[in-house]
Amino acid sequence: MRAGPQPFRPDLFASYGNVYAKRMFGGHGLFAGDAMLGFVSDDLIYLKTNEDTRAAFLAEGCKPFVYRKRSTGEEVALSYYQIPERLYDEPEEFADWVRRAQTVAENSPSVQRKRRLTAKHGRPTGKKPPRR
């Protein structure tokens, strides 16, 4: 049995496959290819959801990641939900949840737009390359 939340652990993702972490916003984004399927914040893992996959998180009592806007103080809930605590001890089932999160991430409008721009311009954004 594990003792409380833990930061990104490559061993937890071993049943899933190639997931890598990139430092961002005081935590780590979790990526498979060019799609961000989740992130780690305050040692908790959050996975990307949509209307279809969110029900499983809600059924387990999971909460969305919420941040407070500095400009207005308004709280904003993202489409990333904390994984159920039990998944830290069930790597094969965790891998299934990660697979669903990757599918959601790969079909997100931002990833689709990025891929279209890469195909059109040969680079990830529509921006012109820097002058030399």
Protein backbone atom coordinates (compact mmCIF):
# COMPACT_ATOMS: atom_id res chain seq x y z
CA MET A 1 0.00 0.00 0.00
CA ARG A 2 1.40 3.38 -0.87
CA ALA A 3 1.62 6.19 1.67
CA GLY A 4 -0.16 9.23 0.23
CA PRO A 5 0.16 10.95 -3.14
CA GLN A 6 3.45 10.72 -5.00
CA PRO A 7 4.98 12.73 -7.84
CA PHE A 8 5.27 11.47 -11.42
CA ARG A 9 6.70 7.98 -11.35
CA PRO A 10 7.84 6.37 -14.59
CA ASP A 11 7.24 2.93 -13.01
CA LEU A 12 3.53 3.74 -12.69
CA PHE A 13 3.39 4.34 -16.44
CA ALA A 14 5.37 1.19 -17.34
CA SER A 15 2.20 -0.78 -18.16
CA TYR A 16 1.10 2.02 -20.47
CA GLY A 17 4.17 2.80 -22.51
CA ASN A 18 6.09 5.91 -23.47
CA VAL A 19 4.92 8.84 -21.35
CA TYR A 20 7.31 11.65 -20.57
CA ALA A 21 7.11 14.62 -18.22
CA LYS A 22 7.92 18.24 -19.05
CA ARG A 23 8.26 20.83 -16.32
CA MET A 24 5.57 23.49 -16.53
CA PHE A 25 3.59 25.83 -14.25
CA GLY A 26 5.22 24.59 -11.06
CA GLY A 27 4.38 20.96 -11.91
CA HIS A 28 4.93 18.53 -14.76
CA GLY A 29 2.91 18.04 -17.93
CA LEU A 30 2.52 14.39 -18.94
CA PHE A 31 2.87 13.78 -22.67
CA ALA A 32 2.56 10.92 -25.13
CA GLY A 33 3.81 12.20 -28.46
CA ASP A 34 2.58 15.76 -28.93
CA ALA A 35 -0.52 15.35 -26.78
CA MET A 36 -0.64 16.42 -23.13
CA LEU A 37 -2.70 13.68 -21.50
CA GLY A 38 -2.30 14.87 -17.95
CA PHE A 39 -0.14 16.63 -15.42
CA VAL A 40 1.20 16.40 -11.90
CA SER A 41 0.50 19.21 -9.45
CA ASP A 42 1.20 19.11 -5.72
CA ASP A 43 2.19 15.44 -6.15
CA LEU A 44 -1.25 14.50 -7.54
CA ILE A 45 -1.80 13.06 -11.01
CA TYR A 46 -4.58 14.58 -13.13
CA LEU A 47 -5.73 13.11 -16.47
CA LYS A 48 -7.50 14.84 -19.35
CA THR A 49 -11.23 14.12 -19.64
CA ASN A 50 -14.15 14.90 -21.91
CA GLU A 51 -17.91 14.50 -21.50
CA ASP A 52 -17.68 10.75 -22.12
CA THR A 53 -14.70 9.88 -19.91
CA ARG A 54 -15.47 12.30 -17.06
CA ALA A 55 -18.28 10.06 -15.75
CA ALA A 56 -15.79 7.42 -14.57
CA PHE A 57 -13.88 10.05 -12.58
CA LEU A 58 -17.06 11.44 -11.04
CA ALA A 59 -18.26 7.93 -10.14
CA GLU A 60 -15.04 7.51 -8.11
CA GLY A 61 -15.50 10.87 -6.37
CA CYS A 62 -12.60 12.52 -8.21
CA LYS A 63 -12.32 16.29 -8.41
CA PRO A 64 -11.21 18.51 -11.30
CA PHE A 65 -8.09 20.63 -11.13
CA VAL A 66 -9.18 24.14 -10.14
CA TYR A 67 -7.12 27.31 -10.24
CA ARG A 68 -7.89 30.88 -9.27
CA LYS A 69 -7.44 33.67 -11.84
CA ARG A 70 -5.14 36.35 -10.49
CA SER A 71 -6.96 39.12 -12.32
CA THR A 72 -10.47 38.39 -11.03
CA GLY A 73 -10.12 35.81 -8.27
CA GLU A 74 -12.57 33.62 -10.20
CA GLU A 75 -12.10 29.86 -9.80
CA VAL A 76 -11.75 27.93 -13.05
CA ALA A 77 -12.14 24.14 -13.27
CA LEU A 78 -10.17 22.47 -16.04
CA SER A 79 -10.98 19.27 -17.91
CA TYR A 80 -8.22 17.46 -15.99
CA TYR A 81 -9.39 15.27 -13.08
CA GLN A 82 -7.41 13.76 -10.23
CA ILE A 83 -7.04 10.01 -10.62
CA PRO A 84 -8.72 7.70 -8.11
CA GLU A 85 -6.38 6.89 -5.23
CA ARG A 86 -6.70 3.12 -5.88
CA LEU A 87 -5.07 3.44 -9.32
CA TYR A 88 -1.66 4.07 -7.71
CA ASP A 89 -1.75 0.39 -6.71
CA GLU A 90 -3.32 -0.94 -9.94
CA PRO A 91 -0.90 -0.16 -12.79
CA GLU A 92 -2.74 -2.21 -15.43
CA GLU A 93 -6.03 -0.43 -14.80
CA PHE A 94 -4.18 2.87 -14.50
CA ALA A 95 -2.82 2.21 -18.01
CA ASP A 96 -6.41 1.90 -19.30
CA TRP A 97 -7.28 5.29 -17.78
CA VAL A 98 -4.14 6.81 -19.34
CA ARG A 99 -5.07 5.34 -22.75
CA ARG A 100 -8.50 7.01 -22.56
CA ALA A 101 -6.88 10.30 -21.50
CA GLN A 102 -4.49 10.12 -24.46
CA THR A 103 -7.39 9.54 -26.86
CA VAL A 104 -9.16 12.59 -25.42
CA ALA A 105 -5.97 14.67 -25.66
CA GLU A 106 -5.21 13.60 -29.24
CA ASN A 107 -8.73 14.56 -30.32
CA SER A 108 -8.72 17.92 -28.54
CA PRO A 109 -9.10 21.00 -30.75
CA SER A 110 -5.69 22.40 -29.71
CA VAL A 111 -3.80 19.23 -30.71
CA GLN A 112 -5.75 18.96 -33.97
CA ARG A 113 -4.97 22.61 -34.79
CA LYS A 114 -1.29 22.10 -33.95
CA ARG A 115 -1.13 19.07 -36.25
CA ARG A 116 -2.85 20.92 -39.12
CA LEU A 117 -0.41 23.82 -38.81
CA THR A 118 2.56 21.47 -38.66
CA ALA A 119 1.37 19.71 -41.83
CA LYS A 120 0.78 23.02 -43.59
CA HIS A 121 3.86 24.94 -42.45
CA GLY A 122 6.29 22.20 -41.49
CA ARG A 123 6.47 23.47 -37.91
CA PRO A 124 4.21 23.28 -34.86
CA THR A 125 2.81 26.80 -35.18
CA GLY A 126 1.75 29.04 -38.01
CA LYS A 127 4.40 31.57 -36.98
CA LYS A 128 7.17 32.45 -39.36
CA PRO A 129 10.64 31.24 -38.43
CA PRO A 130 12.88 33.90 -36.78
CA ARG A 131 14.96 36.14 -39.04
CA ARG A 132 18.69 35.59 -39.17
